[in-house]
């Protein structure tokens, strides 16, 4: 029998009992709602970053918050789809529904990450280096900027 790199059997789809299917739907709903909430928060923060009416401080604050909510989204998404011990909910279920949900979620995740990365790159190009966001600090760009100041 063929197996994937993480030890899962390929080609064998499970069938859930009605009770197990009900539990599965409850878990999917729980993950989906939490991920949708984080995605909406990211959208709100992105709209602030791209707003011509927002102040520089609001944009810098929104960029830092966007990084935080994006990290939360990615961590929860990873628990939902990626194999690791007993956390990979969708891959572990291996039903036709979970396979469809996995594909659907991966597409949604990809769109959300592209949207977030594009907004962050745009906003970072517009923010002044002397008022960095947390993302700016973590990339080490602040350190290079400070080191490039002339010494008096």
N, C-alpha and C. Protein backbone atom coordinates (compact mmCIF):
# COMPACT_ATOMS: atom_id res chain seq x y z
N UNK A 1 0.83 -1.17 0.00
CA UNK A 1 0.00 0.00 0.00
C UNK A 1 0.89 1.24 0.00
N UNK A 2 0.58 2.22 -0.83
CA UNK A 2 1.38 3.43 -0.94
C UNK A 2 1.14 4.33 0.26
N UNK A 3 2.21 4.95 0.71
CA UNK A 3 2.10 5.90 1.81
C UNK A 3 2.76 7.20 1.42
N UNK A 4 2.31 8.28 2.01
CA UNK A 4 2.95 9.57 1.79
C UNK A 4 4.12 9.70 2.74
N UNK A 5 4.86 10.80 2.62
CA UNK A 5 6.04 11.00 3.43
C UNK A 5 5.77 11.08 4.92
N UNK A 6 4.56 11.43 5.33
CA UNK A 6 4.26 11.57 6.75
C UNK A 6 3.61 10.32 7.32
N UNK A 7 3.63 9.23 6.57
CA UNK A 7 3.13 7.97 7.09
C UNK A 7 1.65 7.74 6.87
N UNK A 8 0.93 8.70 6.25
CA UNK A 8 -0.49 8.53 5.99
C UNK A 8 -0.67 7.58 4.80
N UNK A 9 -1.68 6.78 4.85
CA UNK A 9 -2.00 5.92 3.72
C UNK A 9 -2.71 6.74 2.66
N UNK A 10 -2.27 6.57 1.39
CA UNK A 10 -2.92 7.26 0.29
C UNK A 10 -3.94 6.33 -0.34
N UNK A 11 -4.98 6.89 -0.89
CA UNK A 11 -5.95 6.11 -1.62
C UNK A 11 -7.01 5.43 -0.75
N UNK A 12 -6.86 5.47 0.52
CA UNK A 12 -7.83 4.85 1.42
C UNK A 12 -8.62 5.96 2.12
N UNK A 13 -9.89 6.03 1.82
CA UNK A 13 -10.75 7.07 2.40
C UNK A 13 -11.63 6.45 3.47
N UNK A 14 -11.67 7.11 4.61
CA UNK A 14 -12.50 6.63 5.71
C UNK A 14 -13.96 7.03 5.50
N UNK A 15 -14.85 6.30 6.13
CA UNK A 15 -16.27 6.64 6.15
C UNK A 15 -16.67 6.78 7.61
N UNK A 16 -17.24 7.93 7.95
CA UNK A 16 -17.61 8.21 9.33
C UNK A 16 -19.02 7.73 9.63
N UNK A 17 -19.22 7.33 10.87
CA UNK A 17 -20.58 7.01 11.32
C UNK A 17 -21.35 8.32 11.41
N UNK A 18 -22.67 8.27 11.46
CA UNK A 18 -23.44 9.51 11.58
C UNK A 18 -23.03 10.37 12.78
N UNK A 19 -22.76 9.74 13.90
CA UNK A 19 -22.35 10.49 15.10
C UNK A 19 -20.96 11.12 14.89
N UNK A 20 -20.04 10.34 14.34
CA UNK A 20 -18.70 10.86 14.07
C UNK A 20 -18.75 11.99 13.05
N UNK A 21 -19.64 11.85 12.06
CA UNK A 21 -19.79 12.90 11.05
C UNK A 21 -20.33 14.19 11.68
N UNK A 22 -21.24 14.05 12.60
CA UNK A 22 -21.78 15.22 13.30
C UNK A 22 -20.67 15.91 14.10
N UNK A 23 -19.83 15.12 14.77
CA UNK A 23 -18.71 15.68 15.52
C UNK A 23 -17.71 16.36 14.57
N UNK A 24 -17.47 15.71 13.44
CA UNK A 24 -16.57 16.27 12.43
C UNK A 24 -17.08 17.64 11.98
N UNK A 25 -18.37 17.74 11.66
CA UNK A 25 -18.94 19.00 11.22
C UNK A 25 -18.83 20.08 12.29
N UNK A 26 -18.99 19.68 13.55
CA UNK A 26 -18.83 20.63 14.65
C UNK A 26 -17.42 21.16 14.74
N UNK A 27 -16.44 20.29 14.58
CA UNK A 27 -15.03 20.72 14.62
C UNK A 27 -14.70 21.62 13.42
N UNK A 28 -15.16 21.24 12.25
CA UNK A 28 -14.92 22.05 11.06
C UNK A 28 -15.54 23.44 11.26
N UNK A 29 -16.74 23.48 11.80
CA UNK A 29 -17.41 24.76 12.04
C UNK A 29 -16.62 25.61 13.04
N UNK A 30 -16.11 24.97 14.08
CA UNK A 30 -15.33 25.69 15.10
C UNK A 30 -14.07 26.31 14.47
N UNK A 31 -13.32 25.50 13.71
CA UNK A 31 -12.12 26.02 13.05
C UNK A 31 -12.48 27.10 12.04
N UNK A 32 -13.50 26.84 11.23
CA UNK A 32 -13.88 27.78 10.18
C UNK A 32 -14.28 29.13 10.75
N UNK A 33 -15.05 29.13 11.84
CA UNK A 33 -15.47 30.39 12.45
C UNK A 33 -14.28 31.16 13.02
N UNK A 34 -13.39 30.45 13.69
CA UNK A 34 -12.21 31.11 14.26
C UNK A 34 -11.32 31.68 13.16
N UNK A 35 -11.11 30.92 12.10
CA UNK A 35 -10.29 31.39 10.98
C UNK A 35 -10.96 32.57 10.27
N UNK A 36 -12.27 32.51 10.10
CA UNK A 36 -13.00 33.61 9.46
C UNK A 36 -12.92 34.89 10.29
N UNK A 37 -12.98 34.76 11.61
CA UNK A 37 -12.87 35.92 12.48
C UNK A 37 -11.50 36.58 12.32
N UNK A 38 -10.45 35.78 12.32
CA UNK A 38 -9.10 36.32 12.14
C UNK A 38 -8.93 36.92 10.74
N UNK A 39 -9.52 36.30 9.75
CA UNK A 39 -9.44 36.82 8.39
C UNK A 39 -10.15 38.17 8.27
N UNK A 40 -11.31 38.30 8.90
CA UNK A 40 -12.02 39.59 8.89
C UNK A 40 -11.20 40.67 9.61
N UNK A 41 -10.56 40.30 10.69
CA UNK A 41 -9.71 41.27 11.41
C UNK A 41 -8.54 41.70 10.51
N UNK A 42 -7.94 40.75 9.81
CA UNK A 42 -6.87 41.09 8.87
C UNK A 42 -7.39 42.05 7.79
N UNK A 43 -8.57 41.78 7.27
CA UNK A 43 -9.16 42.66 6.25
C UNK A 43 -9.36 44.07 6.79
N UNK A 44 -9.82 44.17 8.03
CA UNK A 44 -10.02 45.49 8.66
C UNK A 44 -8.69 46.23 8.78
N UNK A 45 -7.67 45.52 9.21
CA UNK A 45 -6.35 46.14 9.38
C UNK A 45 -5.75 46.53 8.02
N UNK A 46 -5.96 45.70 7.03
CA UNK A 46 -5.47 46.02 5.68
C UNK A 46 -6.15 47.28 5.16
N UNK A 47 -7.43 47.41 5.42
CA UNK A 47 -8.14 48.61 4.94
C UNK A 47 -7.57 49.87 5.61
N UNK A 48 -7.15 49.77 6.85
CA UNK A 48 -6.52 50.92 7.52
C UNK A 48 -5.16 51.20 6.88
N UNK A 49 -4.39 50.14 6.64
CA UNK A 49 -3.06 50.32 6.02
C UNK A 49 -3.15 51.01 4.66
N UNK A 50 -4.17 50.68 3.91
CA UNK A 50 -4.29 51.21 2.55
C UNK A 50 -5.11 52.49 2.48
N UNK A 51 -5.64 52.93 3.61
CA UNK A 51 -6.47 54.12 3.64
C UNK A 51 -5.62 55.38 3.51
N UNK A 52 -6.08 56.28 2.67
CA UNK A 52 -5.39 57.57 2.54
C UNK A 52 -5.74 58.49 3.69
N UNK A 53 -6.80 58.16 4.43
CA UNK A 53 -7.25 59.00 5.54
C UNK A 53 -6.60 58.63 6.88
N UNK A 54 -6.01 57.45 6.97
CA UNK A 54 -5.39 57.01 8.23
C UNK A 54 -4.07 57.74 8.45
N UNK A 55 -3.81 58.06 9.70
CA UNK A 55 -2.55 58.72 10.04
C UNK A 55 -1.39 57.72 9.96
N UNK A 56 -0.21 58.27 9.93
CA UNK A 56 0.98 57.43 9.89
C UNK A 56 1.04 56.50 11.11
N UNK A 57 0.69 57.03 12.27
CA UNK A 57 0.70 56.23 13.50
C UNK A 57 -0.33 55.11 13.44
N UNK A 58 -1.52 55.41 12.91
CA UNK A 58 -2.55 54.38 12.77
C UNK A 58 -2.08 53.27 11.83
N UNK A 59 -1.41 53.66 10.76
CA UNK A 59 -0.92 52.67 9.81
C UNK A 59 0.18 51.81 10.43
N UNK A 60 1.07 52.44 11.18
CA UNK A 60 2.15 51.68 11.82
C UNK A 60 1.57 50.71 12.85
N UNK A 61 0.60 51.17 13.62
CA UNK A 61 -0.05 50.32 14.61
C UNK A 61 -0.80 49.17 13.92
N UNK A 62 -1.49 49.48 12.84
CA UNK A 62 -2.23 48.46 12.10
C UNK A 62 -1.30 47.42 11.51
N UNK A 63 -0.14 47.85 11.03
CA UNK A 63 0.83 46.90 10.47
C UNK A 63 1.31 45.92 11.54
N UNK A 64 1.57 46.43 12.74
CA UNK A 64 2.01 45.55 13.83
C UNK A 64 0.89 44.59 14.23
N UNK A 65 -0.34 45.10 14.31
CA UNK A 65 -1.49 44.25 14.64
C UNK A 65 -1.74 43.22 13.54
N UNK A 66 -1.53 43.63 12.29
CA UNK A 66 -1.73 42.71 11.17
C UNK A 66 -0.75 41.55 11.25
N UNK A 67 0.46 41.85 11.61
CA UNK A 67 1.45 40.78 11.76
C UNK A 67 1.01 39.80 12.86
N UNK A 68 0.52 40.34 13.96
CA UNK A 68 0.08 39.49 15.08
C UNK A 68 -1.12 38.62 14.70
N UNK A 69 -2.12 39.21 14.07
CA UNK A 69 -3.30 38.42 13.72
C UNK A 69 -2.98 37.43 12.59
N UNK A 70 -2.07 37.80 11.72
CA UNK A 70 -1.66 36.86 10.67
C UNK A 70 -0.94 35.66 11.27
N UNK A 71 -0.11 35.89 12.26
CA UNK A 71 0.56 34.77 12.94
C UNK A 71 -0.46 33.86 13.63
N UNK A 72 -1.46 34.46 14.26
CA UNK A 72 -2.52 33.66 14.89
C UNK A 72 -3.27 32.84 13.84
N UNK A 73 -3.59 33.49 12.72
CA UNK A 73 -4.29 32.80 11.63
C UNK A 73 -3.46 31.62 11.13
N UNK A 74 -2.18 31.85 10.88
CA UNK A 74 -1.32 30.79 10.36
C UNK A 74 -1.18 29.64 11.35
N UNK A 75 -1.04 29.95 12.64
CA UNK A 75 -0.92 28.89 13.65
C UNK A 75 -2.18 28.04 13.71
N UNK A 76 -3.35 28.69 13.71
CA UNK A 76 -4.60 27.95 13.74
C UNK A 76 -4.80 27.17 12.45
N UNK A 77 -4.46 27.77 11.34
CA UNK A 77 -4.57 27.10 10.05
C UNK A 77 -3.67 25.87 10.00
N UNK A 78 -2.46 26.00 10.53
CA UNK A 78 -1.54 24.87 10.58
C UNK A 78 -2.13 23.72 11.40
N UNK A 79 -2.74 24.04 12.52
CA UNK A 79 -3.37 23.01 13.34
C UNK A 79 -4.49 22.32 12.58
N UNK A 80 -5.14 23.06 11.74
CA UNK A 80 -6.29 22.56 10.98
C UNK A 80 -5.86 21.64 9.84
N UNK A 81 -4.73 21.96 9.19
CA UNK A 81 -4.40 21.22 7.97
C UNK A 81 -3.08 20.47 7.97
N UNK A 82 -2.10 20.91 8.71
CA UNK A 82 -0.77 20.31 8.57
C UNK A 82 -0.56 19.17 9.56
N UNK A 83 0.08 18.10 9.10
CA UNK A 83 0.33 16.96 9.99
C UNK A 83 1.39 17.27 11.04
N UNK A 84 1.04 17.04 12.28
CA UNK A 84 2.01 17.12 13.38
C UNK A 84 1.36 16.47 14.59
N UNK A 85 1.88 15.34 14.98
CA UNK A 85 1.36 14.57 16.11
C UNK A 85 -0.15 14.37 15.98
N UNK A 86 -0.92 14.95 16.90
CA UNK A 86 -2.36 14.70 16.94
C UNK A 86 -3.17 15.95 16.60
N UNK A 87 -2.58 16.88 15.84
CA UNK A 87 -3.24 18.16 15.62
C UNK A 87 -3.87 18.29 14.23
N UNK A 88 -3.34 17.65 13.24
CA UNK A 88 -3.75 17.83 11.84
C UNK A 88 -5.16 17.33 11.59
N UNK A 89 -6.12 18.10 11.97
CA UNK A 89 -7.51 17.64 12.00
C UNK A 89 -8.00 17.12 10.65
N UNK A 90 -7.83 17.89 9.60
CA UNK A 90 -8.39 17.47 8.31
C UNK A 90 -7.67 16.27 7.71
N UNK A 91 -6.36 16.27 7.76
CA UNK A 91 -5.62 15.14 7.17
C UNK A 91 -5.85 13.87 7.97
N UNK A 92 -6.00 14.00 9.26
CA UNK A 92 -6.21 12.84 10.11
C UNK A 92 -7.57 12.19 9.85
N UNK A 93 -8.57 13.00 9.52
CA UNK A 93 -9.91 12.47 9.26
C UNK A 93 -9.94 11.65 7.97
N UNK A 94 -9.31 12.13 6.92
CA UNK A 94 -9.20 11.44 5.64
C UNK A 94 -10.53 10.90 5.12
N UNK A 95 -11.54 11.74 5.07
CA UNK A 95 -12.82 11.39 4.45
C UNK A 95 -12.93 12.24 3.18
N UNK A 96 -13.90 11.93 2.34
CA UNK A 96 -14.09 12.76 1.15
C UNK A 96 -14.38 14.20 1.54
N UNK A 97 -15.20 14.39 2.56
CA UNK A 97 -15.51 15.75 3.03
C UNK A 97 -14.27 16.46 3.54
N UNK A 98 -13.45 15.75 4.31
CA UNK A 98 -12.25 16.40 4.87
C UNK A 98 -11.24 16.71 3.77
N UNK A 99 -11.17 15.87 2.75
CA UNK A 99 -10.28 16.15 1.62
C UNK A 99 -10.74 17.39 0.86
N UNK A 100 -12.05 17.52 0.67
CA UNK A 100 -12.60 18.72 0.01
C UNK A 100 -12.38 19.96 0.86
N UNK A 101 -12.61 19.83 2.16
CA UNK A 101 -12.40 20.96 3.08
C UNK A 101 -10.94 21.37 3.09
N UNK A 102 -10.04 20.41 3.04
CA UNK A 102 -8.60 20.69 3.02
C UNK A 102 -8.24 21.51 1.78
N UNK A 103 -8.71 21.09 0.63
CA UNK A 103 -8.43 21.82 -0.62
C UNK A 103 -9.03 23.22 -0.55
N UNK A 104 -10.25 23.32 -0.07
CA UNK A 104 -10.92 24.62 0.06
C UNK A 104 -10.15 25.54 1.00
N UNK A 105 -9.77 25.01 2.15
CA UNK A 105 -9.06 25.84 3.12
C UNK A 105 -7.69 26.26 2.60
N UNK A 106 -7.00 25.38 1.90
CA UNK A 106 -5.69 25.74 1.36
C UNK A 106 -5.80 26.89 0.36
N UNK A 107 -6.87 26.88 -0.43
CA UNK A 107 -7.08 27.97 -1.38
C UNK A 107 -7.38 29.27 -0.64
N UNK A 108 -8.26 29.21 0.34
CA UNK A 108 -8.59 30.41 1.13
C UNK A 108 -7.35 30.94 1.84
N UNK A 109 -6.57 30.04 2.42
CA UNK A 109 -5.34 30.43 3.11
C UNK A 109 -4.38 31.11 2.15
N UNK A 110 -4.23 30.56 0.97
CA UNK A 110 -3.33 31.14 -0.02
C UNK A 110 -3.76 32.56 -0.40
N UNK A 111 -5.05 32.75 -0.64
CA UNK A 111 -5.57 34.08 -0.99
C UNK A 111 -5.35 35.05 0.17
N UNK A 112 -5.67 34.63 1.40
CA UNK A 112 -5.48 35.49 2.56
C UNK A 112 -4.02 35.89 2.75
N UNK A 113 -3.11 34.95 2.58
CA UNK A 113 -1.70 35.25 2.77
C UNK A 113 -1.18 36.17 1.67
N UNK A 114 -1.62 35.96 0.45
CA UNK A 114 -1.20 36.84 -0.64
C UNK A 114 -1.69 38.27 -0.39
N UNK A 115 -2.94 38.40 0.00
CA UNK A 115 -3.53 39.71 0.28
C UNK A 115 -2.76 40.40 1.42
N UNK A 116 -2.47 39.66 2.47
CA UNK A 116 -1.76 40.22 3.62
C UNK A 116 -0.34 40.62 3.26
N UNK A 117 0.37 39.75 2.56
CA UNK A 117 1.74 40.07 2.16
C UNK A 117 1.80 41.30 1.25
N UNK A 118 0.86 41.38 0.32
CA UNK A 118 0.82 42.52 -0.59
C UNK A 118 0.58 43.81 0.19
N UNK A 119 -0.36 43.79 1.10
CA UNK A 119 -0.66 44.99 1.91
C UNK A 119 0.53 45.37 2.79
N UNK A 120 1.15 44.38 3.41
CA UNK A 120 2.30 44.68 4.28
C UNK A 120 3.46 45.25 3.47
N UNK A 121 3.74 44.67 2.32
CA UNK A 121 4.83 45.18 1.49
C UNK A 121 4.54 46.61 1.05
N UNK A 122 3.30 46.87 0.66
CA UNK A 122 2.92 48.22 0.25
C UNK A 122 3.06 49.19 1.42
N UNK A 123 2.53 48.80 2.58
CA UNK A 123 2.55 49.72 3.72
C UNK A 123 3.98 49.95 4.21
N UNK A 124 4.81 48.92 4.20
CA UNK A 124 6.19 49.10 4.64
C UNK A 124 6.95 50.03 3.70
N UNK A 125 6.59 50.01 2.43
CA UNK A 125 7.26 50.91 1.50
C UNK A 125 6.83 52.36 1.74
N UNK A 126 5.67 52.56 2.36
CA UNK A 126 5.16 53.90 2.62
C UNK A 126 5.51 54.42 4.02
N UNK A 127 5.81 53.53 4.96
CA UNK A 127 6.14 53.96 6.31
C UNK A 127 7.59 54.43 6.36
N UNK A 128 7.81 55.45 7.15
CA UNK A 128 9.16 56.00 7.28
C UNK A 128 10.01 55.07 8.14
N UNK A 129 11.29 54.92 7.80
CA UNK A 129 12.15 54.03 8.59
C UNK A 129 12.31 54.45 10.04
N UNK A 130 12.14 55.73 10.38
CA UNK A 130 12.32 56.15 11.77
C UNK A 130 11.12 55.79 12.64
N UNK A 131 10.05 55.27 12.06
CA UNK A 131 8.89 54.81 12.82
C UNK A 131 8.51 53.41 12.35
N UNK A 132 9.37 52.43 12.67
CA UNK A 132 9.15 51.08 12.14
C UNK A 132 8.01 50.35 12.83
N UNK A 133 7.44 49.42 12.11
CA UNK A 133 6.46 48.52 12.70
C UNK A 133 7.21 47.36 13.33
N UNK A 134 6.49 46.51 14.06
CA UNK A 134 7.10 45.33 14.65
C UNK A 134 7.69 44.44 13.55
N UNK A 135 6.99 44.31 12.43
CA UNK A 135 7.49 43.49 11.32
C UNK A 135 8.80 44.06 10.81
N UNK A 136 8.88 45.38 10.74
CA UNK A 136 10.09 46.05 10.29
C UNK A 136 11.24 45.78 11.24
N UNK A 137 10.96 45.82 12.54
CA UNK A 137 11.98 45.56 13.55
C UNK A 137 12.47 44.12 13.45
N UNK A 138 11.56 43.16 13.29
CA UNK A 138 11.94 41.76 13.28
C UNK A 138 12.74 41.37 12.05
N UNK A 139 12.62 42.10 10.95
CA UNK A 139 13.38 41.75 9.76
C UNK A 139 14.83 42.20 9.87
N UNK A 140 15.14 42.99 10.88
CA UNK A 140 16.51 43.47 11.05
C UNK A 140 16.79 44.74 10.27
N UNK A 141 15.81 45.27 9.58
CA UNK A 141 16.04 46.45 8.78
C UNK A 141 16.33 47.66 9.65
N UNK A 142 15.78 47.70 10.85
CA UNK A 142 16.04 48.82 11.75
C UNK A 142 17.49 48.83 12.14
N UNK A 143 18.04 47.68 12.41
CA UNK A 143 19.44 47.59 12.82
C UNK A 143 20.34 48.15 11.71
N UNK A 144 20.09 47.78 10.47
CA UNK A 144 20.89 48.30 9.36
C UNK A 144 20.70 49.80 9.23
N UNK A 145 19.47 50.28 9.43
CA UNK A 145 19.20 51.70 9.30
C UNK A 145 19.95 52.47 10.38
N UNK A 146 19.90 51.97 11.64
CA UNK A 146 20.59 52.66 12.73
C UNK A 146 22.10 52.66 12.50
N UNK A 147 22.63 51.55 11.98
CA UNK A 147 24.06 51.46 11.73
C UNK A 147 24.50 52.36 10.58
N UNK A 148 23.57 52.77 9.73
CA UNK A 148 23.93 53.60 8.60
C UNK A 148 23.90 55.08 8.94
N UNK A 149 23.52 55.44 10.19
CA UNK A 149 23.51 56.85 10.58
C UNK A 149 24.95 57.35 10.74
N UNK A 150 25.20 58.56 10.28
CA UNK A 150 26.56 59.12 10.44
C UNK A 150 26.83 59.39 11.93
N UNK A 151 28.02 59.08 12.35
CA UNK A 151 28.41 59.35 13.74
C UNK A 151 28.94 60.77 13.84
N UNK A 152 28.53 61.47 14.86
CA UNK A 152 28.99 62.86 15.07
C UNK A 152 30.05 62.92 16.11
